[in-house]
Amino acid sequence: MNEALLYSFRRCPYAMRARLALRYSGVAVRIIEVSLKAKPAEMLALSPKGTVPVLNVGDQVIEESLEIMEWALAQHDPEDWRLQGHPAVYELIEANDQGFKHHLNRYKYPERYPEQPMEAYRAEGEVFLQKLEGLLAEREYLLADHLSLADVALAPFVRQFAHVDREWFAGTPYRRLQAWLQRFLESPLFIAVMAKP
């Protein structure tokens, strides 16, 4: 296999989850950190939409973070992150990507969405946090007794939501979710993919 190249932006949650899956699966990949203000011409030639992450491996270009994760896990998935293709994994990721992300954007950038106060957007996002808190009542991870694709795909977005107002998040009753997020942030895997190049 030719060397895999990943165009990434360190703090982008979509790029984070791609890097997490690639590292976990042991795929050798060269990461190119992209300046969003000056995107490299090579990346734009591969993916004209100009968003990260973009994975180029051989003659294949993969432009969606979830597809990159699935490609990486198809190479090697030693701890069964895919939970043997259980539909709950993809249902949860879809709820995150289609619903929660919408509210997160508005909560994080309320000045761009003046139709409602910030707190209203936060309350809409909280519905998803409550769902996650409920899932964690049975176990330490969302869908299994170990890390799965769902945990890794969602955690960068929950992290972003928590960081908008850390004091508020720390004061919420979502104790299990707080512990889940903290375990993720302290994991060797997350620390490794967040190291500055």
Protein backbone atom coordinates (compact mmCIF):
# COMPACT_ATOMS: atom_id res chain seq x y z
CA MET A 1 0.00 0.00 0.00
CA ASN A 2 1.24 3.48 -0.83
CA GLU A 3 1.74 5.85 2.07
CA ALA A 4 -1.57 7.21 3.29
CA LEU A 5 -1.86 11.00 3.54
CA LEU A 6 -4.37 12.68 5.81
CA TYR A 7 -5.14 16.37 5.44
CA SER A 8 -6.23 17.42 8.89
CA PHE A 9 -6.83 20.35 11.21
CA ARG A 10 -5.89 19.56 14.79
CA ARG A 11 -8.95 21.04 16.54
CA CYS A 12 -11.61 20.02 14.00
CA PRO A 13 -13.80 17.29 15.57
CA TYR A 14 -14.28 15.56 12.21
CA ALA A 15 -10.52 15.43 11.66
CA MET A 16 -10.01 14.29 15.26
CA ARG A 17 -12.19 11.26 14.83
CA ALA A 18 -10.47 10.33 11.58
CA ARG A 19 -7.05 10.54 13.28
CA LEU A 20 -8.32 8.48 16.23
CA ALA A 21 -9.50 5.62 14.02
CA LEU A 22 -6.37 5.66 11.86
CA ARG A 23 -4.11 5.53 14.91
CA TYR A 24 -6.16 2.81 16.62
CA SER A 25 -6.10 0.65 13.49
CA GLY A 26 -2.35 1.03 13.15
CA VAL A 27 -2.46 2.46 9.62
CA ALA A 28 0.78 4.24 8.74
CA VAL A 29 -0.33 7.72 7.76
CA ARG A 30 1.41 11.03 7.16
CA ILE A 31 -0.66 13.84 8.62
CA ILE A 32 -0.57 17.20 6.88
CA GLU A 33 -1.82 19.97 9.16
CA VAL A 34 -3.89 22.37 7.09
CA SER A 35 -4.24 26.09 7.65
CA LEU A 36 -7.91 26.75 7.01
CA LYS A 37 -6.97 30.22 5.74
CA ALA A 38 -4.48 28.85 3.19
CA LYS A 39 -5.57 25.38 2.14
CA PRO A 40 -2.92 23.50 0.15
CA ALA A 41 -3.49 23.24 -3.59
CA GLU A 42 -2.76 19.48 -3.44
CA MET A 43 -5.66 18.98 -1.03
CA LEU A 44 -8.03 21.10 -3.12
CA ALA A 45 -7.06 19.13 -6.22
CA LEU A 46 -8.06 15.91 -4.43
CA SER A 47 -11.14 17.36 -2.74
CA PRO A 48 -12.49 20.61 -4.22
CA LYS A 49 -14.97 21.08 -1.34
CA GLY A 50 -11.99 22.12 0.74
CA THR A 51 -12.96 20.67 4.12
CA VAL A 52 -10.91 18.38 6.37
CA PRO A 53 -10.35 15.54 6.84
CA VAL A 54 -9.30 14.18 3.45
CA LEU A 55 -7.55 10.81 3.23
CA ASN A 56 -5.53 9.95 0.12
CA VAL A 57 -4.36 6.37 -0.06
CA GLY A 58 -3.19 4.88 -3.34
CA ASP A 59 -5.63 6.15 -5.96
CA GLN A 60 -8.45 6.43 -3.43
CA VAL A 61 -9.66 9.74 -1.93
CA ILE A 62 -11.98 9.60 1.07
CA GLU A 63 -13.52 12.93 2.05
CA GLU A 64 -15.90 12.11 4.93
CA SER A 65 -14.69 11.49 8.47
CA LEU A 66 -16.99 8.53 9.11
CA GLU A 67 -15.93 6.90 5.83
CA ILE A 68 -12.28 7.38 6.82
CA MET A 69 -13.02 5.73 10.18
CA GLU A 70 -14.74 2.80 8.48
CA TRP A 71 -11.88 2.43 6.00
CA ALA A 72 -9.35 2.36 8.87
CA LEU A 73 -11.37 -0.21 10.81
CA ALA A 74 -11.68 -2.38 7.70
CA GLN A 75 -7.84 -2.55 7.75
CA HIS A 76 -7.65 -3.55 11.43
CA ASP A 77 -10.21 -3.45 14.26
CA PRO A 78 -8.62 -5.41 17.11
CA GLU A 79 -11.16 -4.44 19.80
CA ASP A 80 -14.30 -4.62 17.60
CA TRP A 81 -15.08 -0.90 17.57
CA ARG A 82 -17.75 -1.63 14.96
CA LEU A 83 -19.55 -3.97 17.38
CA GLN A 84 -19.98 -6.35 14.42
CA GLY A 85 -21.91 -3.69 12.51
CA HIS A 86 -24.59 -3.20 15.18
CA PRO A 87 -27.15 -0.65 13.84
CA ALA A 88 -27.20 1.27 17.16
CA VAL A 89 -23.65 2.47 16.40
CA TYR A 90 -24.73 4.21 13.21
CA GLU A 91 -28.04 5.47 14.66
CA LEU A 92 -26.14 7.25 17.43
CA ILE A 93 -23.58 8.73 15.05
CA GLU A 94 -26.35 9.96 12.77
CA ALA A 95 -28.16 11.60 15.72
CA ASN A 96 -24.88 13.34 16.56
CA ASP A 97 -24.00 14.42 13.03
CA GLN A 98 -27.49 15.45 11.92
CA GLY A 99 -29.03 16.84 15.12
CA PHE A 100 -26.56 17.53 17.93
CA LYS A 101 -23.99 19.18 15.62
CA HIS A 102 -26.68 21.62 14.42
CA HIS A 103 -27.39 22.76 18.00
CA LEU A 104 -23.67 22.75 18.90
CA ASN A 105 -22.86 25.19 16.07
CA ARG A 106 -25.55 27.60 17.27
CA TYR A 107 -24.55 27.28 20.93
CA LYS A 108 -20.86 27.81 20.10
CA TYR A 109 -21.46 30.74 17.73
CA PRO A 110 -24.67 32.41 19.01
CA GLU A 111 -23.67 35.72 17.37
CA ARG A 112 -24.17 34.05 13.97
CA TYR A 113 -27.64 32.85 14.96
CA PRO A 114 -29.30 35.74 16.79
CA GLU A 115 -32.80 34.27 16.36
CA GLN A 116 -32.56 32.68 19.82
CA PRO A 117 -30.45 33.25 22.93
CA MET A 118 -27.43 31.03 23.49
CA GLU A 119 -29.20 29.23 26.36
CA ALA A 120 -31.96 28.07 24.00
CA TYR A 121 -29.43 26.43 21.69
CA ARG A 122 -27.71 24.88 24.70
CA ALA A 123 -31.02 23.45 25.94
CA GLU A 124 -31.65 21.90 22.51
CA GLY A 125 -28.20 20.28 22.60
CA GLU A 126 -28.83 19.06 26.14
CA VAL A 127 -31.53 16.70 24.91
CA PHE A 128 -28.76 14.66 23.27
CA LEU A 129 -26.54 14.88 26.37
CA GLN A 130 -29.42 13.45 28.41
CA LYS A 131 -29.72 10.56 25.98
CA LEU A 132 -25.99 9.82 26.33
CA GLU A 133 -26.21 10.06 30.13
CA GLY A 134 -28.99 7.45 30.00
CA LEU A 135 -26.91 5.11 27.85
CA LEU A 136 -24.06 5.37 30.35
CA ALA A 137 -26.29 4.23 33.22
CA GLU A 138 -25.59 0.60 32.29
CA ARG A 139 -21.86 0.72 31.51
CA GLU A 140 -18.80 2.95 31.16
CA TYR A 141 -19.15 3.31 27.38
CA LEU A 142 -22.12 4.18 25.19
CA LEU A 143 -22.97 0.84 23.61
CA ALA A 144 -20.58 -1.80 24.96
CA ASP A 145 -18.26 -2.52 27.86
CA HIS A 146 -15.39 -1.10 25.80
CA LEU A 147 -14.73 1.82 23.48
CA SER A 148 -16.66 1.63 20.21
CA LEU A 149 -16.93 3.58 16.99
CA ALA A 150 -19.87 5.47 18.55
CA ASP A 151 -17.81 6.71 21.53
CA VAL A 152 -14.93 7.82 19.33
CA ALA A 153 -17.16 9.47 16.70
CA LEU A 154 -19.16 11.42 19.32
CA ALA A 155 -16.56 12.38 21.93
CA PRO A 156 -14.90 15.22 19.93
CA PHE A 157 -18.30 16.91 19.57
CA VAL A 158 -19.30 16.43 23.21
CA ARG A 159 -15.87 17.84 24.11
CA GLN A 160 -16.60 20.92 22.00
CA PHE A 161 -20.02 21.38 23.61
CA ALA A 162 -18.53 21.00 27.11
CA HIS A 163 -15.79 23.54 26.35
CA VAL A 164 -18.15 26.35 25.30
CA ASP A 165 -18.84 26.93 29.02
CA ARG A 166 -16.78 24.54 31.12
CA GLU A 167 -18.17 25.84 34.40
CA TRP A 168 -21.73 25.22 33.24
CA PHE A 169 -20.89 21.70 32.03
CA ALA A 170 -19.12 20.87 35.30
CA GLY A 171 -22.25 21.94 37.19
CA THR A 172 -24.68 19.79 35.20
CA PRO A 173 -26.16 16.58 36.61
CA TYR A 174 -24.56 14.56 33.77
CA ARG A 175 -22.05 12.87 36.06
CA ARG A 176 -21.64 9.73 33.97
CA LEU A 177 -21.17 11.74 30.79
CA GLN A 178 -18.60 13.96 32.50
CA ALA A 179 -16.67 10.86 33.64
CA TRP A 180 -16.94 9.29 30.16
CA LEU A 181 -15.59 12.47 28.54
CA GLN A 182 -12.77 12.78 31.07
CA ARG A 183 -11.70 9.16 30.48
CA PHE A 184 -11.64 9.86 26.76
CA LEU A 185 -9.62 13.09 27.14
CA GLU A 186 -7.09 11.32 29.37
CA SER A 187 -6.77 8.26 27.13
CA PRO A 188 -3.38 7.62 25.54
CA LEU A 189 -5.13 7.44 22.15
CA PHE A 190 -6.64 10.93 22.39
CA ILE A 191 -3.45 12.44 23.86
CA ALA A 192 -1.43 10.94 20.98
CA VAL A 193 -3.66 12.31 18.21
CA MET A 194 -3.80 15.75 19.80
CA ALA A 195 -0.02 16.14 20.14
CA LYS A 196 1.17 19.18 18.20
CA PRO A 197 3.20 18.22 15.11
